Amino acid sequence: MELKYRNIFLLLFLLAFIATIVVYFSSGRDMRLTWYFGGAAILFYLIYRFTKK
């Protein structure tokens, strides 16, 4: 995968990680929403990590 696309997935991972923390505290500690954003963060990280040239 090209470096440009890998960097997009890294940015998406960072945004999802921050969103996980924000959603946890702003939604009254609703774990359902937190797991959705956490799962997205994990998915973006795995895509970033295992798509080297």
PDB file of N, CA and C in Angstrom:
ATOM      1  N   MET A   1       0.851  -1.167   0.000  1.00  0.00           N
ATOM      2  CA  MET A   1       0.000   0.000   0.000  1.00  0.00           C
ATOM      3  C   MET A   1       0.903   1.239   0.000  1.00  0.00           C
ATOM      4  N   GLU A   2       0.486   2.253  -0.707  1.00  0.00           N
ATOM      5  CA  GLU A   2       1.269   3.477  -0.789  1.00  0.00           C
ATOM      6  C   GLU A   2       1.307   4.189   0.560  1.00  0.00           C
ATOM      7  N   LEU A   3       2.360   4.943   0.759  1.00  0.00           N
ATOM      8  CA  LEU A   3       2.550   5.651   2.021  1.00  0.00           C
ATOM      9  C   LEU A   3       1.420   6.636   2.292  1.00  0.00           C
ATOM     10  N   LYS A   4       0.895   7.252   1.235  1.00  0.00           N
ATOM     11  CA  LYS A   4      -0.186   8.222   1.390  1.00  0.00           C
ATOM     12  C   LYS A   4      -1.413   7.564   2.016  1.00  0.00           C
ATOM     13  N   TYR A   5      -1.755   6.373   1.554  1.00  0.00           N
ATOM     14  CA  TYR A   5      -2.925   5.672   2.080  1.00  0.00           C
ATOM     15  C   TYR A   5      -2.679   5.148   3.484  1.00  0.00           C
ATOM     16  N   ARG A   6      -1.449   4.703   3.749  1.00  0.00           N
ATOM     17  CA  ARG A   6      -1.118   4.258   5.104  1.00  0.00           C
ATOM     18  C   ARG A   6      -1.253   5.403   6.092  1.00  0.00           C
ATOM     19  N   ASN A   7      -0.836   6.595   5.690  1.00  0.00           N
ATOM     20  CA  ASN A   7      -0.943   7.752   6.571  1.00  0.00           C
ATOM     21  C   ASN A   7      -2.398   8.126   6.834  1.00  0.00           C
ATOM     22  N   ILE A   8      -3.259   7.905   5.863  1.00  0.00           N
ATOM     23  CA  ILE A   8      -4.692   8.155   6.069  1.00  0.00           C
ATOM     24  C   ILE A   8      -5.238   7.215   7.137  1.00  0.00           C
ATOM     25  N   PHE A   9      -4.844   5.940   7.087  1.00  0.00           N
ATOM     26  CA  PHE A   9      -5.311   4.999   8.110  1.00  0.00           C
ATOM     27  C   PHE A   9      -4.716   5.318   9.474  1.00  0.00           C
ATOM     28  N   LEU A  10      -3.492   5.836   9.512  1.00  0.00           N
ATOM     29  CA  LEU A  10      -2.911   6.259  10.787  1.00  0.00           C
ATOM     30  C   LEU A  10      -3.696   7.429  11.361  1.00  0.00           C
ATOM     31  N   LEU A  11      -4.065   8.380  10.516  1.00  0.00           N
ATOM     32  CA  LEU A  11      -4.863   9.515  10.967  1.00  0.00           C
ATOM     33  C   LEU A  11      -6.238   9.058  11.449  1.00  0.00           C
ATOM     34  N   LEU A  12      -6.864   8.133  10.720  1.00  0.00           N
ATOM     35  CA  LEU A  12      -8.161   7.606  11.148  1.00  0.00           C
ATOM     36  C   LEU A  12      -8.050   6.881  12.491  1.00  0.00           C
ATOM     37  N   PHE A  13      -6.951   6.151  12.687  1.00  0.00           N
ATOM     38  CA  PHE A  13      -6.733   5.482  13.965  1.00  0.00           C
ATOM     39  C   PHE A  13      -6.637   6.500  15.100  1.00  0.00           C
ATOM     40  N   LEU A  14      -5.855   7.543  14.894  1.00  0.00           N
ATOM     41  CA  LEU A  14      -5.697   8.548  15.946  1.00  0.00           C
ATOM     42  C   LEU A  14      -7.020   9.249  16.255  1.00  0.00           C
ATOM     43  N   LEU A  15      -7.780   9.559  15.219  1.00  0.00           N
ATOM     44  CA  LEU A  15      -9.084  10.205  15.432  1.00  0.00           C
ATOM     45  C   LEU A  15     -10.052   9.282  16.166  1.00  0.00           C
ATOM     46  N   ALA A  16     -10.064   8.001  15.798  1.00  0.00           N
ATOM     47  CA  ALA A  16     -10.955   7.054  16.461  1.00  0.00           C
ATOM     48  C   ALA A  16     -10.531   6.830  17.904  1.00  0.00           C
ATOM     49  N   PHE A  17      -9.229   6.845  18.165  1.00  0.00           N
ATOM     50  CA  PHE A  17      -8.742   6.686  19.539  1.00  0.00           C
ATOM     51  C   PHE A  17      -9.188   7.853  20.411  1.00  0.00           C
ATOM     52  N   ILE A  18      -9.033   9.064  19.891  1.00  0.00           N
ATOM     53  CA  ILE A  18      -9.476  10.249  20.631  1.00  0.00           C
ATOM     54  C   ILE A  18     -10.990  10.245  20.785  1.00  0.00           C
ATOM     55  N   ALA A  19     -11.704   9.841  19.734  1.00  0.00           N
ATOM     56  CA  ALA A  19     -13.162   9.794  19.799  1.00  0.00           C
ATOM     57  C   ALA A  19     -13.630   8.774  20.828  1.00  0.00           C
ATOM     58  N   THR A  20     -12.896   7.685  21.002  1.00  0.00           N
ATOM     59  CA  THR A  20     -13.254   6.686  22.007  1.00  0.00           C
ATOM     60  C   THR A  20     -13.253   7.302  23.390  1.00  0.00           C
ATOM     61  N   ILE A  21     -12.219   8.060  23.690  1.00  0.00           N
ATOM     62  CA  ILE A  21     -12.128   8.693  25.007  1.00  0.00           C
ATOM     63  C   ILE A  21     -13.212   9.753  25.180  1.00  0.00           C
ATOM     64  N   VAL A  22     -13.424  10.554  24.143  1.00  0.00           N
ATOM     65  CA  VAL A  22     -14.435  11.614  24.216  1.00  0.00           C
ATOM     66  C   VAL A  22     -15.829  11.023  24.383  1.00  0.00           C
ATOM     67  N   VAL A  23     -16.143   9.986  23.621  1.00  0.00           N
ATOM     68  CA  VAL A  23     -17.471   9.368  23.697  1.00  0.00           C
ATOM     69  C   VAL A  23     -17.684   8.738  25.068  1.00  0.00           C
ATOM     70  N   TYR A  24     -16.662   8.127  25.616  1.00  0.00           N
ATOM     71  CA  TYR A  24     -16.797   7.485  26.925  1.00  0.00           C
ATOM     72  C   TYR A  24     -17.224   8.487  27.991  1.00  0.00           C
ATOM     73  N   PHE A  25     -16.581   9.636  28.007  1.00  0.00           N
ATOM     74  CA  PHE A  25     -16.885  10.608  29.047  1.00  0.00           C
ATOM     75  C   PHE A  25     -18.089  11.482  28.730  1.00  0.00           C
ATOM     76  N   SER A  26     -18.370  11.716  27.458  1.00  0.00           N
ATOM     77  CA  SER A  26     -19.481  12.610  27.124  1.00  0.00           C
ATOM     78  C   SER A  26     -20.825  11.892  27.036  1.00  0.00           C
ATOM     79  N   SER A  27     -20.816  10.568  26.929  1.00  0.00           N
ATOM     80  CA  SER A  27     -22.082   9.853  26.795  1.00  0.00           C
ATOM     81  C   SER A  27     -22.544   9.249  28.111  1.00  0.00           C
ATOM     82  N   GLY A  28     -22.014   9.728  29.212  1.00  0.00           N
ATOM     83  CA  GLY A  28     -22.403   9.162  30.492  1.00  0.00           C
ATOM     84  C   GLY A  28     -21.848   7.758  30.675  1.00  0.00           C
ATOM     85  N   ARG A  29     -20.691   7.516  30.121  1.00  0.00           N
ATOM     86  CA  ARG A  29     -19.988   6.229  30.215  1.00  0.00           C
ATOM     87  C   ARG A  29     -20.785   5.081  29.616  1.00  0.00           C
ATOM     88  N   ASP A  30     -21.341   5.355  28.429  1.00  0.00           N
ATOM     89  CA  ASP A  30     -22.085   4.338  27.679  1.00  0.00           C
ATOM     90  C   ASP A  30     -21.076   3.419  26.993  1.00  0.00           C
ATOM     91  N   MET A  31     -20.972   2.193  27.469  1.00  0.00           N
ATOM     92  CA  MET A  31     -19.952   1.275  26.970  1.00  0.00           C
ATOM     93  C   MET A  31     -20.261   0.776  25.566  1.00  0.00           C
ATOM     94  N   ARG A  32     -21.513   0.786  25.161  1.00  0.00           N
ATOM     95  CA  ARG A  32     -21.859   0.319  23.821  1.00  0.00           C
ATOM     96  C   ARG A  32     -21.226   1.221  22.756  1.00  0.00           C
ATOM     97  N   LEU A  33     -21.418   2.527  22.894  1.00  0.00           N
ATOM     98  CA  LEU A  33     -20.811   3.463  21.948  1.00  0.00           C
ATOM     99  C   LEU A  33     -19.293   3.453  22.041  1.00  0.00           C
ATOM    100  N   THR A  34     -18.780   3.300  23.254  1.00  0.00           N
ATOM    101  CA  THR A  34     -17.333   3.280  23.443  1.00  0.00           C
ATOM    102  C   THR A  34     -16.713   2.097  22.714  1.00  0.00           C
ATOM    103  N   TRP A  35     -17.371   0.940  22.759  1.00  0.00           N
ATOM    104  CA  TRP A  35     -16.838  -0.230  22.057  1.00  0.00           C
ATOM    105  C   TRP A  35     -16.886  -0.063  20.552  1.00  0.00           C
ATOM    106  N   TYR A  36     -17.899   0.636  20.041  1.00  0.00           N
ATOM    107  CA  TYR A  36     -17.955   0.886  18.602  1.00  0.00           C
ATOM    108  C   TYR A  36     -16.749   1.706  18.149  1.00  0.00           C
ATOM    109  N   PHE A  37     -16.485   2.788  18.845  1.00  0.00           N
ATOM    110  CA  PHE A  37     -15.361   3.633  18.465  1.00  0.00           C
ATOM    111  C   PHE A  37     -14.032   2.944  18.756  1.00  0.00           C
ATOM    112  N   GLY A  38     -13.948   2.198  19.831  1.00  0.00           N
ATOM    113  CA  GLY A  38     -12.740   1.441  20.132  1.00  0.00           C
ATOM    114  C   GLY A  38     -12.477   0.366  19.090  1.00  0.00           C
ATOM    115  N   GLY A  39     -13.530  -0.301  18.650  1.00  0.00           N
ATOM    116  CA  GLY A  39     -13.389  -1.311  17.601  1.00  0.00           C
ATOM    117  C   GLY A  39     -12.922  -0.710  16.290  1.00  0.00           C
ATOM    118  N   ALA A  40     -13.432   0.467  15.970  1.00  0.00           N
ATOM    119  CA  ALA A  40     -12.985   1.154  14.758  1.00  0.00           C
ATOM    120  C   ALA A  40     -11.509   1.529  14.880  1.00  0.00           C
ATOM    121  N   ALA A  41     -11.100   1.970  16.062  1.00  0.00           N
ATOM    122  CA  ALA A  41      -9.695   2.323  16.269  1.00  0.00           C
ATOM    123  C   ALA A  41      -8.800   1.102  16.093  1.00  0.00           C
ATOM    124  N   ILE A  42      -9.206  -0.023  16.642  1.00  0.00           N
ATOM    125  CA  ILE A  42      -8.428  -1.252  16.503  1.00  0.00           C
ATOM    126  C   ILE A  42      -8.352  -1.676  15.041  1.00  0.00           C
ATOM    127  N   LEU A  43      -9.462  -1.592  14.336  1.00  0.00           N
ATOM    128  CA  LEU A  43      -9.485  -1.962  12.923  1.00  0.00           C
ATOM    129  C   LEU A  43      -8.552  -1.076  12.097  1.00  0.00           C
ATOM    130  N   PHE A  44      -8.608   0.236  12.319  1.00  0.00           N
ATOM    131  CA  PHE A  44      -7.734   1.144  11.577  1.00  0.00           C
ATOM    132  C   PHE A  44      -6.270   0.892  11.910  1.00  0.00           C
ATOM    133  N   TYR A  45      -5.970   0.583  13.168  1.00  0.00           N
ATOM    134  CA  TYR A  45      -4.588   0.292  13.530  1.00  0.00           C
ATOM    135  C   TYR A  45      -4.091  -0.975  12.844  1.00  0.00           C
ATOM    136  N   LEU A  46      -4.915  -2.009  12.823  1.00  0.00           N
ATOM    137  CA  LEU A  46      -4.502  -3.257  12.185  1.00  0.00           C
ATOM    138  C   LEU A  46      -4.279  -3.078  10.687  1.00  0.00           C
ATOM    139  N   ILE A  47      -5.130  -2.302  10.051  1.00  0.00           N
ATOM    140  CA  ILE A  47      -4.941  -2.019   8.631  1.00  0.00           C
ATOM    141  C   ILE A  47      -3.632  -1.262   8.428  1.00  0.00           C
ATOM    142  N   TYR A  48      -3.382  -0.271   9.280  1.00  0.00           N
ATOM    143  CA  TYR A  48      -2.143   0.500   9.163  1.00  0.00           C
ATOM    144  C   TYR A  48      -0.923  -0.387   9.416  1.00  0.00           C
ATOM    145  N   ARG A  49      -0.998  -1.217  10.417  1.00  0.00           N
ATOM    146  CA  ARG A  49       0.152  -2.004  10.848  1.00  0.00           C
ATOM    147  C   ARG A  49       0.538  -3.080   9.839  1.00  0.00           C
ATOM    148  N   PHE A  50      -0.429  -3.743   9.240  1.00  0.00           N
ATOM    149  CA  PHE A  50      -0.138  -4.896   8.411  1.00  0.00           C
ATOM    150  C   PHE A  50      -0.220  -4.627   6.912  1.00  0.00           C
ATOM    151  N   THR A  51      -0.121  -3.378   6.497  1.00  0.00           N
ATOM    152  CA  THR A  51      -0.152  -3.070   5.067  1.00  0.00           C
ATOM    153  C   THR A  51       1.141  -2.418   4.628  1.00  0.00           C
ATOM    154  N   LYS A  52       2.243  -2.972   5.025  1.00  0.00           N
ATOM    155  CA  LYS A  52       3.538  -2.447   4.596  1.00  0.00           C
ATOM    156  C   LYS A  52       3.833  -2.949   3.187  1.00  0.00           C
ATOM    157  N   LYS A  53       4.708  -2.244   2.520  1.00  0.00           N
ATOM    158  CA  LYS A  53       5.116  -2.658   1.176  1.00  0.00           C
ATOM    159  C   LYS A  53       6.037  -3.828   1.252  1.00  0.00           C
TER     160      LYS A  53
END
